[in-house]
């Protein structure tokens, strides 16, 4: 490639940007994951979605950039349920912002609120009323740099 092409291409790239905000969405209900991921993408954030806690921990353990992790409280069974995932993720990434989403009739496990006291708790219905932008701003405002 000629030098002029390289200079032209590099001059059009944004300067000082390492990566965009990354959100990890974890939940066993595909429709919930897909709907939430679509809303988050519409806000301009990058999204990685997983249906199991083990997959989410793999993303974190590989060192992929993640700024906020949203976990469905319905994530049960297997080797990592909602509370265990929150605790393990916090141990691996102390500055990670964690959001736990639950049904009004199925609140998150008490263990999660005790072991990860700074996690944000939100009811699943709030995602459907356009609260995703507010939630992301709140999560990112409170993250540890």
N, C-alpha and C. Protein backbone atom coordinates (compact mmCIF):
# COMPACT_ATOMS: atom_id res chain seq x y z
N UNK A 1 0.84 -1.16 0.00
CA UNK A 1 0.00 0.00 0.00
C UNK A 1 0.90 1.23 0.00
N UNK A 2 0.65 2.22 -0.84
CA UNK A 2 1.47 3.43 -0.88
C UNK A 2 1.35 4.21 0.43
N UNK A 3 2.39 4.97 0.73
CA UNK A 3 2.43 5.75 1.96
C UNK A 3 1.27 6.74 2.05
N UNK A 4 0.90 7.33 0.95
CA UNK A 4 -0.19 8.31 0.97
C UNK A 4 -1.50 7.68 1.41
N UNK A 5 -1.75 6.42 1.03
CA UNK A 5 -2.97 5.74 1.45
C UNK A 5 -2.98 5.52 2.96
N UNK A 6 -1.84 5.16 3.53
CA UNK A 6 -1.75 4.94 4.97
C UNK A 6 -2.00 6.24 5.70
N UNK A 7 -1.40 7.32 5.24
CA UNK A 7 -1.59 8.61 5.90
C UNK A 7 -3.03 9.05 5.80
N UNK A 8 -3.66 8.85 4.67
CA UNK A 8 -5.05 9.25 4.49
C UNK A 8 -5.95 8.42 5.39
N UNK A 9 -5.70 7.11 5.44
CA UNK A 9 -6.53 6.24 6.26
C UNK A 9 -6.37 6.57 7.74
N UNK A 10 -5.16 6.81 8.20
CA UNK A 10 -4.95 7.08 9.62
C UNK A 10 -5.48 8.45 10.02
N UNK A 11 -5.54 9.39 9.09
CA UNK A 11 -6.04 10.72 9.45
C UNK A 11 -7.55 10.71 9.64
N UNK A 12 -8.26 9.68 9.14
CA UNK A 12 -9.71 9.63 9.31
C UNK A 12 -10.12 8.87 10.56
N UNK A 13 -9.18 8.22 11.23
CA UNK A 13 -9.52 7.48 12.44
C UNK A 13 -9.62 8.42 13.62
N UNK A 14 -10.58 8.19 14.55
CA UNK A 14 -10.67 9.03 15.73
C UNK A 14 -9.43 8.85 16.60
N UNK A 15 -8.94 9.91 17.14
CA UNK A 15 -7.73 9.86 17.97
C UNK A 15 -8.12 9.72 19.44
N UNK A 16 -7.32 8.98 20.20
CA UNK A 16 -7.51 8.87 21.64
C UNK A 16 -8.60 7.91 22.08
N UNK A 17 -9.17 7.14 21.18
CA UNK A 17 -10.22 6.22 21.56
C UNK A 17 -9.65 4.82 21.62
N UNK A 18 -9.68 4.20 22.80
CA UNK A 18 -9.16 2.84 22.96
C UNK A 18 -10.23 1.84 22.53
N UNK A 19 -11.41 1.96 23.08
CA UNK A 19 -12.53 1.11 22.71
C UNK A 19 -13.81 1.76 23.19
N UNK A 20 -14.92 1.33 22.63
CA UNK A 20 -16.21 1.85 23.07
C UNK A 20 -16.63 1.13 24.34
N UNK A 21 -17.64 1.65 24.99
CA UNK A 21 -18.15 1.04 26.22
C UNK A 21 -18.67 -0.36 25.89
N UNK A 22 -18.24 -1.33 26.67
CA UNK A 22 -18.59 -2.74 26.46
C UNK A 22 -19.54 -3.20 27.55
N UNK A 23 -20.64 -3.82 27.16
CA UNK A 23 -21.64 -4.33 28.10
C UNK A 23 -21.77 -5.84 27.89
N UNK A 24 -21.69 -6.58 28.98
CA UNK A 24 -21.87 -8.03 28.94
C UNK A 24 -23.25 -8.34 29.49
N UNK A 25 -24.10 -8.94 28.67
CA UNK A 25 -25.47 -9.29 29.07
C UNK A 25 -25.53 -10.79 29.27
N UNK A 26 -25.98 -11.22 30.46
CA UNK A 26 -26.00 -12.64 30.79
C UNK A 26 -27.39 -13.03 31.28
N UNK A 27 -28.02 -13.97 30.59
CA UNK A 27 -29.33 -14.43 31.00
C UNK A 27 -29.74 -15.65 30.21
N UNK A 28 -30.56 -16.49 30.81
CA UNK A 28 -30.93 -17.74 30.15
C UNK A 28 -32.09 -17.57 29.18
N UNK A 29 -32.82 -16.46 29.27
CA UNK A 29 -33.95 -16.23 28.36
C UNK A 29 -33.48 -15.49 27.12
N UNK A 30 -33.52 -16.18 25.99
CA UNK A 30 -32.99 -15.61 24.74
C UNK A 30 -33.69 -14.32 24.36
N UNK A 31 -34.98 -14.27 24.47
CA UNK A 31 -35.70 -13.04 24.08
C UNK A 31 -35.28 -11.86 24.94
N UNK A 32 -35.14 -12.08 26.23
CA UNK A 32 -34.68 -11.00 27.14
C UNK A 32 -33.29 -10.53 26.74
N UNK A 33 -32.38 -11.49 26.51
CA UNK A 33 -31.01 -11.13 26.09
C UNK A 33 -31.02 -10.34 24.79
N UNK A 34 -31.77 -10.82 23.82
CA UNK A 34 -31.80 -10.17 22.51
C UNK A 34 -32.41 -8.78 22.57
N UNK A 35 -33.53 -8.65 23.30
CA UNK A 35 -34.18 -7.34 23.41
C UNK A 35 -33.29 -6.33 24.13
N UNK A 36 -32.71 -6.76 25.24
CA UNK A 36 -31.85 -5.86 26.00
C UNK A 36 -30.60 -5.51 25.20
N UNK A 37 -30.01 -6.47 24.55
CA UNK A 37 -28.81 -6.23 23.73
C UNK A 37 -29.11 -5.23 22.62
N UNK A 38 -30.28 -5.36 21.98
CA UNK A 38 -30.65 -4.43 20.91
C UNK A 38 -30.80 -3.01 21.45
N UNK A 39 -31.43 -2.87 22.61
CA UNK A 39 -31.58 -1.53 23.19
C UNK A 39 -30.24 -0.91 23.55
N UNK A 40 -29.35 -1.73 24.09
CA UNK A 40 -28.03 -1.23 24.47
C UNK A 40 -27.23 -0.83 23.23
N UNK A 41 -27.33 -1.62 22.17
CA UNK A 41 -26.64 -1.28 20.91
C UNK A 41 -27.17 0.02 20.32
N UNK A 42 -28.49 0.24 20.44
CA UNK A 42 -29.08 1.48 19.93
C UNK A 42 -28.53 2.70 20.65
N UNK A 43 -28.06 2.51 21.88
CA UNK A 43 -27.46 3.61 22.64
C UNK A 43 -26.01 3.85 22.24
N UNK A 44 -25.46 2.96 21.39
CA UNK A 44 -24.10 3.14 20.91
C UNK A 44 -23.06 2.32 21.64
N UNK A 45 -23.49 1.43 22.52
CA UNK A 45 -22.55 0.60 23.26
C UNK A 45 -22.33 -0.72 22.53
N UNK A 46 -21.20 -1.36 22.78
CA UNK A 46 -20.91 -2.70 22.28
C UNK A 46 -21.53 -3.70 23.24
N UNK A 47 -22.03 -4.81 22.73
CA UNK A 47 -22.67 -5.82 23.58
C UNK A 47 -22.13 -7.21 23.27
N UNK A 48 -21.87 -7.95 24.33
CA UNK A 48 -21.60 -9.38 24.22
C UNK A 48 -22.67 -10.06 25.07
N UNK A 49 -23.35 -11.04 24.51
CA UNK A 49 -24.43 -11.72 25.24
C UNK A 49 -24.06 -13.18 25.47
N UNK A 50 -24.37 -13.67 26.67
CA UNK A 50 -24.10 -15.07 27.04
C UNK A 50 -25.34 -15.64 27.69
N UNK A 51 -25.55 -16.93 27.51
CA UNK A 51 -26.70 -17.57 28.14
C UNK A 51 -26.33 -18.33 29.40
N UNK A 52 -25.05 -18.42 29.71
CA UNK A 52 -24.62 -19.15 30.90
C UNK A 52 -23.55 -18.35 31.65
N UNK A 53 -23.53 -18.53 32.95
CA UNK A 53 -22.54 -17.85 33.77
C UNK A 53 -21.12 -18.25 33.44
N UNK A 54 -20.93 -19.51 33.08
CA UNK A 54 -19.59 -20.00 32.73
C UNK A 54 -19.06 -19.26 31.50
N UNK A 55 -19.93 -19.02 30.53
CA UNK A 55 -19.52 -18.28 29.34
C UNK A 55 -19.14 -16.84 29.68
N UNK A 56 -19.91 -16.23 30.57
CA UNK A 56 -19.60 -14.87 30.99
C UNK A 56 -18.26 -14.80 31.71
N UNK A 57 -17.99 -15.77 32.56
CA UNK A 57 -16.70 -15.80 33.26
C UNK A 57 -15.55 -16.02 32.27
N UNK A 58 -15.80 -16.77 31.22
CA UNK A 58 -14.77 -16.96 30.19
C UNK A 58 -14.43 -15.64 29.53
N UNK A 59 -15.45 -14.86 29.20
CA UNK A 59 -15.24 -13.54 28.60
C UNK A 59 -14.38 -12.68 29.52
N UNK A 60 -14.71 -12.69 30.81
CA UNK A 60 -13.96 -11.88 31.78
C UNK A 60 -12.55 -12.41 31.99
N UNK A 61 -12.40 -13.73 32.08
CA UNK A 61 -11.09 -14.33 32.32
C UNK A 61 -10.14 -14.14 31.13
N UNK A 62 -10.68 -14.06 29.93
CA UNK A 62 -9.85 -13.84 28.76
C UNK A 62 -9.33 -12.41 28.68
N UNK A 63 -9.85 -11.56 29.54
CA UNK A 63 -9.37 -10.18 29.57
C UNK A 63 -10.04 -9.28 28.56
N UNK A 64 -11.13 -9.73 27.97
CA UNK A 64 -11.85 -8.87 27.02
C UNK A 64 -12.41 -7.67 27.77
N UNK A 65 -12.41 -6.50 27.15
CA UNK A 65 -12.89 -5.31 27.85
C UNK A 65 -14.38 -5.39 28.14
N UNK A 66 -14.75 -5.21 29.39
CA UNK A 66 -16.15 -5.17 29.80
C UNK A 66 -16.26 -4.08 30.86
N UNK A 67 -17.17 -3.14 30.65
CA UNK A 67 -17.37 -2.05 31.59
C UNK A 67 -18.56 -2.29 32.52
N UNK A 68 -19.61 -2.91 31.98
CA UNK A 68 -20.83 -3.17 32.75
C UNK A 68 -21.29 -4.59 32.43
N UNK A 69 -21.72 -5.31 33.48
CA UNK A 69 -22.29 -6.64 33.28
C UNK A 69 -23.72 -6.62 33.81
N UNK A 70 -24.68 -6.98 32.94
CA UNK A 70 -26.09 -7.06 33.33
C UNK A 70 -26.44 -8.54 33.41
N UNK A 71 -26.91 -8.96 34.59
CA UNK A 71 -27.20 -10.38 34.82
C UNK A 71 -28.68 -10.55 35.17
N UNK A 72 -29.32 -11.49 34.52
CA UNK A 72 -30.71 -11.83 34.83
C UNK A 72 -30.71 -12.69 36.09
N UNK A 73 -31.52 -12.29 37.08
CA UNK A 73 -31.59 -13.04 38.33
C UNK A 73 -32.14 -14.45 38.11
N UNK A 74 -32.80 -14.68 36.98
CA UNK A 74 -33.32 -16.01 36.67
C UNK A 74 -32.22 -16.98 36.27
N UNK A 75 -30.99 -16.50 36.19
CA UNK A 75 -29.86 -17.37 35.85
C UNK A 75 -29.62 -18.29 37.05
N UNK A 76 -30.08 -19.51 36.95
CA UNK A 76 -30.01 -20.46 38.05
C UNK A 76 -29.38 -21.76 37.57
N UNK A 77 -29.03 -22.58 38.55
CA UNK A 77 -28.52 -23.91 38.23
C UNK A 77 -27.16 -23.86 37.58
N UNK A 78 -26.74 -25.01 37.09
CA UNK A 78 -25.42 -25.09 36.47
C UNK A 78 -24.34 -24.79 37.49
N UNK A 79 -23.21 -24.39 37.01
CA UNK A 79 -22.10 -24.15 37.92
C UNK A 79 -22.06 -22.71 38.43
N UNK A 80 -22.73 -21.79 37.76
CA UNK A 80 -22.73 -20.39 38.21
C UNK A 80 -24.12 -19.79 38.10
N UNK A 81 -24.76 -19.54 39.24
CA UNK A 81 -26.05 -18.86 39.22
C UNK A 81 -25.79 -17.35 39.31
N UNK A 82 -26.84 -16.59 39.41
CA UNK A 82 -26.74 -15.13 39.41
C UNK A 82 -25.81 -14.61 40.50
N UNK A 83 -26.04 -15.00 41.75
CA UNK A 83 -25.23 -14.50 42.87
C UNK A 83 -23.78 -14.94 42.75
N UNK A 84 -23.57 -16.20 42.41
CA UNK A 84 -22.20 -16.70 42.27
C UNK A 84 -21.45 -15.98 41.16
N UNK A 85 -22.14 -15.74 40.05
CA UNK A 85 -21.52 -15.03 38.93
C UNK A 85 -21.12 -13.62 39.35
N UNK A 86 -22.00 -12.93 40.06
CA UNK A 86 -21.70 -11.57 40.51
C UNK A 86 -20.47 -11.56 41.42
N UNK A 87 -20.40 -12.51 42.34
CA UNK A 87 -19.28 -12.58 43.27
C UNK A 87 -17.98 -12.92 42.54
N UNK A 88 -18.02 -13.91 41.67
CA UNK A 88 -16.82 -14.31 40.94
C UNK A 88 -16.34 -13.21 39.99
N UNK A 89 -17.29 -12.56 39.33
CA UNK A 89 -16.92 -11.47 38.42
C UNK A 89 -16.29 -10.32 39.18
N UNK A 90 -16.82 -10.00 40.35
CA UNK A 90 -16.26 -8.91 41.16
C UNK A 90 -14.86 -9.27 41.65
N UNK A 91 -14.65 -10.55 42.00
CA UNK A 91 -13.31 -10.97 42.44
C UNK A 91 -12.30 -10.84 41.30
N UNK A 92 -12.73 -11.16 40.10
CA UNK A 92 -11.84 -11.10 38.94
C UNK A 92 -11.63 -9.67 38.44
N UNK A 93 -12.70 -8.87 38.51
CA UNK A 93 -12.65 -7.48 38.03
C UNK A 93 -13.27 -6.56 39.09
N UNK A 94 -12.49 -6.08 40.03
CA UNK A 94 -13.03 -5.26 41.13
C UNK A 94 -13.75 -4.00 40.67
N UNK A 95 -13.39 -3.42 39.54
CA UNK A 95 -14.01 -2.19 39.07
C UNK A 95 -15.22 -2.40 38.18
N UNK A 96 -15.58 -3.64 37.93
CA UNK A 96 -16.70 -3.95 37.04
C UNK A 96 -18.02 -3.53 37.67
N UNK A 97 -18.83 -2.80 36.90
CA UNK A 97 -20.17 -2.44 37.37
C UNK A 97 -21.10 -3.60 37.08
N UNK A 98 -21.87 -4.00 38.09
CA UNK A 98 -22.76 -5.16 37.96
C UNK A 98 -24.19 -4.70 38.17
N UNK A 99 -25.06 -5.10 37.23
CA UNK A 99 -26.48 -4.80 37.31
C UNK A 99 -27.22 -6.12 37.37
N UNK A 100 -28.07 -6.30 38.38
CA UNK A 100 -28.87 -7.52 38.53
C UNK A 100 -30.31 -7.19 38.20
N UNK A 101 -30.87 -7.91 37.25
CA UNK A 101 -32.23 -7.69 36.79
C UNK A 101 -33.11 -8.83 37.26
N UNK A 102 -34.28 -8.49 37.78
CA UNK A 102 -35.16 -9.55 38.28
C UNK A 102 -36.61 -9.26 37.96
N UNK A 103 -37.41 -10.30 38.08
CA UNK A 103 -38.86 -10.19 37.99
C UNK A 103 -39.36 -9.62 39.30
N UNK A 104 -40.48 -8.88 39.29
CA UNK A 104 -41.02 -8.40 40.57
C UNK A 104 -41.40 -9.56 41.50
N UNK A 105 -41.74 -10.71 40.91
CA UNK A 105 -42.15 -11.86 41.71
C UNK A 105 -40.99 -12.80 42.02
N UNK A 106 -39.83 -12.53 41.45
CA UNK A 106 -38.66 -13.39 41.64
C UNK A 106 -37.45 -12.50 41.93
N UNK A 107 -37.38 -11.94 43.16
CA UNK A 107 -36.29 -11.02 43.46
C UNK A 107 -34.94 -11.72 43.44
N UNK A 108 -33.85 -10.96 43.23
CA UNK A 108 -32.52 -11.57 43.22
C UNK A 108 -32.21 -12.18 44.58
N UNK A 109 -31.35 -13.14 44.57
CA UNK A 109 -30.98 -13.81 45.80
C UNK A 109 -30.39 -12.81 46.80
N UNK A 110 -30.72 -12.97 48.06
CA UNK A 110 -30.19 -12.08 49.10
C UNK A 110 -28.68 -12.13 49.13
N UNK A 111 -28.12 -13.29 48.81
CA UNK A 111 -26.67 -13.49 48.82
C UNK A 111 -25.98 -12.46 47.90
N UNK A 112 -26.59 -12.17 46.76
CA UNK A 112 -25.99 -11.23 45.81
C UNK A 112 -25.93 -9.83 46.41
N UNK A 113 -26.99 -9.40 47.06
CA UNK A 113 -26.99 -8.04 47.61
C UNK A 113 -26.05 -7.91 48.80
N UNK A 114 -25.82 -8.99 49.52
CA UNK A 114 -24.90 -8.96 50.65
C UNK A 114 -23.44 -9.01 50.18
N UNK A 115 -23.15 -9.91 49.24
CA UNK A 115 -21.77 -10.10 48.79
C UNK A 115 -21.30 -9.06 47.77
N UNK A 116 -22.23 -8.47 47.05
CA UNK A 116 -21.89 -7.42 46.08
C UNK A 116 -22.81 -6.23 46.37
N UNK A 117 -22.54 -5.51 47.47
CA UNK A 117 -23.46 -4.46 47.92
C UNK A 117 -23.59 -3.28 46.96
N UNK A 118 -22.60 -3.05 46.10
CA UNK A 118 -22.69 -1.91 45.19
C UNK A 118 -23.33 -2.26 43.85
N UNK A 119 -23.82 -3.48 43.71
CA UNK A 119 -24.50 -3.86 42.47
C UNK A 119 -25.80 -3.07 42.37
N UNK A 120 -26.16 -2.73 41.15
CA UNK A 120 -27.43 -2.05 40.92
C UNK A 120 -28.51 -3.11 40.72
N UNK A 121 -29.66 -2.90 41.33
CA UNK A 121 -30.77 -3.84 41.18
C UNK A 121 -31.88 -3.14 40.42
N UNK A 122 -32.43 -3.82 39.42
CA UNK A 122 -33.50 -3.25 38.61
C UNK A 122 -34.49 -4.34 38.27
N UNK A 123 -35.77 -3.98 38.24
CA UNK A 123 -36.78 -4.95 37.85
C UNK A 123 -36.82 -5.04 36.33
N UNK A 124 -37.03 -6.24 35.85
CA UNK A 124 -37.00 -6.52 34.42
C UNK A 124 -37.96 -5.63 33.64
N UNK A 125 -39.10 -5.29 34.22
CA UNK A 125 -40.09 -4.47 33.52
C UNK A 125 -39.56 -3.06 33.23
N UNK A 126 -38.60 -2.58 34.00
CA UNK A 126 -38.03 -1.27 33.75
C UNK A 126 -37.24 -1.23 32.45
N UNK A 127 -36.70 -2.35 32.03
CA UNK A 127 -36.00 -2.41 30.74
C UNK A 127 -37.00 -2.19 29.60
N UNK A 128 -38.24 -2.59 29.81
CA UNK A 128 -39.24 -2.48 28.76
C UNK A 128 -39.84 -1.09 28.69
N UNK A 129 -39.58 -0.25 29.67
CA UNK A 129 -40.16 1.09 29.67
C UNK A 129 -39.13 2.15 29.29
N UNK A 130 -38.06 1.75 28.62
CA UNK A 130 -37.09 2.70 28.13
C UNK A 130 -36.10 3.19 29.18
N UNK A 131 -35.91 2.45 30.24
CA UNK A 131 -35.01 2.87 31.31
C UNK A 131 -33.57 2.43 31.07
N UNK A 132 -33.30 1.81 29.93
CA UNK A 132 -31.97 1.27 29.67
C UNK A 132 -30.93 2.39 29.63
N UNK A 133 -31.24 3.50 28.98
CA UNK A 133 -30.28 4.61 28.89
C UNK A 133 -29.96 5.15 30.27
N UNK A 134 -30.96 5.33 31.10
CA UNK A 134 -30.75 5.82 32.46
C UNK A 134 -29.91 4.84 33.26
N UNK A 135 -30.21 3.57 33.14
CA UNK A 135 -29.46 2.54 33.85
C UNK A 135 -27.99 2.53 33.44
N UNK A 136 -27.73 2.59 32.14
CA UNK A 136 -26.34 2.58 31.67
C UNK A 136 -25.59 3.81 32.15
N UNK A 137 -26.24 4.98 32.12
CA UNK A 137 -25.58 6.19 32.62
C UNK A 137 -25.26 6.06 34.11
N UNK A 138 -26.22 5.52 34.89
CA UNK A 138 -25.99 5.35 36.32
C UNK A 138 -24.86 4.35 36.59
N UNK A 139 -24.86 3.25 35.88
CA UNK A 139 -23.82 2.24 36.07
C UNK A 139 -22.45 2.79 35.72
N UNK A 140 -22.36 3.52 34.62
CA UNK A 140 -21.07 4.05 34.18
C UNK A 140 -20.61 5.21 35.06
N UNK A 141 -21.53 5.97 35.61
CA UNK A 141 -21.16 7.09 36.47
C UNK A 141 -20.55 6.60 37.78
N UNK A 142 -20.97 5.43 38.22
CA UNK A 142 -20.51 4.91 39.50
C UNK A 142 -19.34 3.96 39.40
N UNK A 143 -18.85 3.71 38.19
CA UNK A 143 -17.78 2.72 38.06
C UNK A 143 -16.46 3.27 38.58
N UNK A 144 -15.62 2.36 39.00
CA UNK A 144 -14.30 2.71 39.50
C UNK A 144 -13.37 2.84 38.31
N UNK A 145 -12.65 3.93 38.24
CA UNK A 145 -11.75 4.14 37.09
C UNK A 145 -10.53 3.25 37.20
